[in-house]
Every structure is written in structure tokens, then in C-alpha cells.
Amino acid sequence: MCTTNKYGFPVKHRTRCKTFFGFQTGDMVRAILPTGKFAGTHVGRLTVRESGVFARENSKR
């Protein structure tokens, strides 16, 4: 949501919390999963959403 002026143009925006649990979007992470279907070491870039949900993108290298 943003605040608008009397003509309907946006003039302000909500400030975002830039970090969640010490992580922020763009951080490189290594997840070590010892068992299960996706067992192994996964390395990639982290995406953090405002809801607090994390997603890991695969490294392109």
C-alpha cells in the first residue's frame, strides 16, 4: 500500500524490513540435508519475502 495525494498519484511507500532472522535477499547460502529425497548439499542465492518465507534459487554456475 502507498499513500496518494489528492490527485491519486503515489507520494509515499511503506518501509520494508530488510532482514529476516539475520538473512536478506541476495545472500549466498549452503543447505546441508543429510537424509530424504533431496539429500545432499545445496548452494544458491536466497530470496526473502515480506511474509518471512525463504526460497533458494539454484546457482547458475
N, C-alpha and C. Protein backbone atom coordinates (compact mmCIF):
# COMPACT_ATOMS: atom_id res chain seq x y z
N MET A 1 0.84 -1.17 0.00
CA MET A 1 0.00 0.00 0.00
C MET A 1 0.88 1.24 0.00
N CYS A 2 0.40 2.28 -0.60
CA CYS A 2 1.12 3.54 -0.58
C CYS A 2 0.13 4.67 -0.34
N THR A 3 0.66 5.77 0.11
CA THR A 3 -0.16 6.96 0.32
C THR A 3 -0.21 7.76 -0.97
N THR A 4 -1.39 8.26 -1.29
CA THR A 4 -1.54 9.03 -2.52
C THR A 4 -1.92 10.47 -2.19
N ASN A 5 -1.65 11.35 -3.14
CA ASN A 5 -2.06 12.74 -2.95
C ASN A 5 -3.49 12.91 -3.43
N LYS A 6 -3.99 14.13 -3.45
CA LYS A 6 -5.40 14.35 -3.79
C LYS A 6 -5.72 14.02 -5.25
N TYR A 7 -4.69 13.87 -6.10
CA TYR A 7 -4.90 13.51 -7.50
C TYR A 7 -4.74 12.02 -7.76
N GLY A 8 -4.38 11.26 -6.72
CA GLY A 8 -4.25 9.81 -6.86
C GLY A 8 -2.85 9.33 -7.19
N PHE A 9 -1.87 10.24 -7.22
CA PHE A 9 -0.50 9.82 -7.52
C PHE A 9 0.19 9.36 -6.24
N PRO A 10 1.02 8.32 -6.31
CA PRO A 10 1.70 7.84 -5.11
C PRO A 10 2.75 8.86 -4.63
N VAL A 11 2.77 9.10 -3.32
CA VAL A 11 3.73 10.04 -2.76
C VAL A 11 4.59 9.41 -1.66
N LYS A 12 4.12 8.32 -1.07
CA LYS A 12 4.87 7.64 -0.01
C LYS A 12 4.74 6.14 -0.19
N HIS A 13 5.67 5.40 0.35
CA HIS A 13 5.56 3.96 0.35
C HIS A 13 5.92 3.43 1.73
N ARG A 14 5.46 2.22 2.02
CA ARG A 14 5.75 1.61 3.30
C ARG A 14 7.20 1.18 3.35
N THR A 15 7.82 1.39 4.48
CA THR A 15 9.20 0.93 4.64
C THR A 15 9.19 -0.58 4.81
N ARG A 16 10.17 -1.23 4.27
CA ARG A 16 10.26 -2.69 4.32
C ARG A 16 11.29 -3.10 5.36
N CYS A 17 11.04 -4.24 5.98
CA CYS A 17 12.02 -4.83 6.87
C CYS A 17 13.01 -5.57 5.98
N LYS A 18 14.26 -5.17 5.98
CA LYS A 18 15.22 -5.68 5.01
C LYS A 18 15.85 -7.00 5.40
N THR A 19 15.78 -7.37 6.67
CA THR A 19 16.38 -8.64 7.09
C THR A 19 15.36 -9.47 7.87
N PHE A 20 15.48 -10.79 7.74
CA PHE A 20 14.67 -11.73 8.48
C PHE A 20 15.58 -12.79 9.03
N PHE A 21 15.59 -12.95 10.35
CA PHE A 21 16.39 -13.96 11.03
C PHE A 21 17.87 -13.84 10.65
N GLY A 22 18.33 -12.63 10.38
CA GLY A 22 19.72 -12.41 10.03
C GLY A 22 20.05 -12.61 8.56
N PHE A 23 19.06 -12.92 7.74
CA PHE A 23 19.28 -13.13 6.31
C PHE A 23 18.60 -12.01 5.54
N GLN A 24 19.09 -11.77 4.32
CA GLN A 24 18.41 -10.83 3.43
C GLN A 24 18.52 -11.35 2.01
N THR A 25 17.70 -10.84 1.12
CA THR A 25 17.68 -11.28 -0.27
C THR A 25 19.05 -11.06 -0.90
N GLY A 26 19.53 -12.07 -1.60
CA GLY A 26 20.82 -11.98 -2.27
C GLY A 26 21.92 -12.71 -1.55
N ASP A 27 21.70 -13.10 -0.30
CA ASP A 27 22.72 -13.85 0.45
C ASP A 27 22.95 -15.21 -0.19
N MET A 28 24.19 -15.63 -0.21
CA MET A 28 24.52 -16.98 -0.68
C MET A 28 24.43 -17.92 0.52
N VAL A 29 23.71 -19.03 0.35
CA VAL A 29 23.52 -19.97 1.45
C VAL A 29 23.90 -21.37 1.02
N ARG A 30 24.24 -22.19 2.01
CA ARG A 30 24.54 -23.61 1.79
C ARG A 30 23.64 -24.39 2.72
N ALA A 31 22.76 -25.22 2.16
CA ALA A 31 21.86 -26.06 2.95
C ALA A 31 22.36 -27.50 2.87
N ILE A 32 22.60 -28.10 4.02
CA ILE A 32 23.07 -29.49 4.09
C ILE A 32 21.91 -30.34 4.59
N LEU A 33 21.37 -31.19 3.70
CA LEU A 33 20.26 -32.07 4.05
C LEU A 33 20.79 -33.50 4.11
N PRO A 34 20.90 -34.09 5.31
CA PRO A 34 21.53 -35.41 5.45
C PRO A 34 20.69 -36.57 4.92
N THR A 35 19.37 -36.50 5.01
CA THR A 35 18.54 -37.62 4.58
C THR A 35 17.34 -37.11 3.80
N GLY A 36 16.66 -38.04 3.16
CA GLY A 36 15.43 -37.70 2.45
C GLY A 36 15.61 -37.65 0.95
N LYS A 37 14.54 -37.29 0.27
CA LYS A 37 14.52 -37.26 -1.19
C LYS A 37 15.51 -36.26 -1.76
N PHE A 38 15.69 -35.12 -1.09
CA PHE A 38 16.57 -34.06 -1.58
C PHE A 38 17.87 -34.00 -0.79
N ALA A 39 18.35 -35.14 -0.33
CA ALA A 39 19.57 -35.20 0.48
C ALA A 39 20.77 -34.70 -0.31
N GLY A 40 21.68 -34.03 0.40
CA GLY A 40 22.88 -33.51 -0.23
C GLY A 40 23.15 -32.09 0.20
N THR A 41 24.10 -31.47 -0.46
CA THR A 41 24.45 -30.08 -0.18
C THR A 41 23.92 -29.21 -1.30
N HIS A 42 23.16 -28.22 -0.95
CA HIS A 42 22.56 -27.32 -1.92
C HIS A 42 23.10 -25.92 -1.68
N VAL A 43 23.63 -25.30 -2.72
CA VAL A 43 24.19 -23.95 -2.63
C VAL A 43 23.43 -23.06 -3.59
N GLY A 44 23.09 -21.86 -3.13
CA GLY A 44 22.37 -20.95 -4.01
C GLY A 44 22.11 -19.60 -3.36
N ARG A 45 21.41 -18.78 -4.10
CA ARG A 45 21.09 -17.42 -3.66
C ARG A 45 19.75 -17.44 -2.94
N LEU A 46 19.66 -16.69 -1.86
CA LEU A 46 18.47 -16.68 -1.03
C LEU A 46 17.53 -15.55 -1.45
N THR A 47 16.22 -15.86 -1.44
CA THR A 47 15.20 -14.85 -1.66
C THR A 47 14.33 -14.82 -0.41
N VAL A 48 14.15 -13.63 0.15
CA VAL A 48 13.34 -13.47 1.36
C VAL A 48 12.13 -12.62 1.02
N ARG A 49 10.96 -13.09 1.40
CA ARG A 49 9.74 -12.34 1.16
C ARG A 49 9.28 -11.66 2.45
N GLU A 50 8.43 -10.66 2.33
CA GLU A 50 7.98 -9.90 3.49
C GLU A 50 7.24 -10.79 4.48
N SER A 51 6.61 -11.85 3.99
CA SER A 51 5.88 -12.76 4.88
C SER A 51 6.81 -13.58 5.74
N GLY A 52 8.13 -13.55 5.45
CA GLY A 52 9.09 -14.34 6.22
C GLY A 52 9.44 -15.66 5.56
N VAL A 53 8.91 -15.92 4.37
CA VAL A 53 9.17 -17.15 3.65
C VAL A 53 10.51 -17.04 2.92
N PHE A 54 11.32 -18.09 3.00
CA PHE A 54 12.60 -18.12 2.32
C PHE A 54 12.50 -19.01 1.10
N ALA A 55 13.20 -18.67 0.04
CA ALA A 55 13.30 -19.50 -1.15
C ALA A 55 14.75 -19.48 -1.60
N ARG A 56 15.25 -20.64 -2.04
CA ARG A 56 16.63 -20.72 -2.50
C ARG A 56 16.62 -20.93 -4.01
N GLU A 57 17.35 -20.09 -4.71
CA GLU A 57 17.48 -20.22 -6.16
C GLU A 57 18.77 -20.96 -6.45
N ASN A 58 18.75 -21.80 -7.46
CA ASN A 58 19.95 -22.56 -7.83
C ASN A 58 21.03 -21.64 -8.36
N SER A 59 22.25 -22.01 -8.07
CA SER A 59 23.38 -21.27 -8.61
C SER A 59 23.49 -21.60 -10.09
N LYS A 60 23.78 -20.61 -10.92
CA LYS A 60 23.84 -20.82 -12.37
C LYS A 60 25.18 -21.38 -12.81
N ARG A 61 26.12 -21.50 -11.90
CA ARG A 61 27.46 -21.99 -12.28
C ARG A 61 27.56 -23.47 -12.26
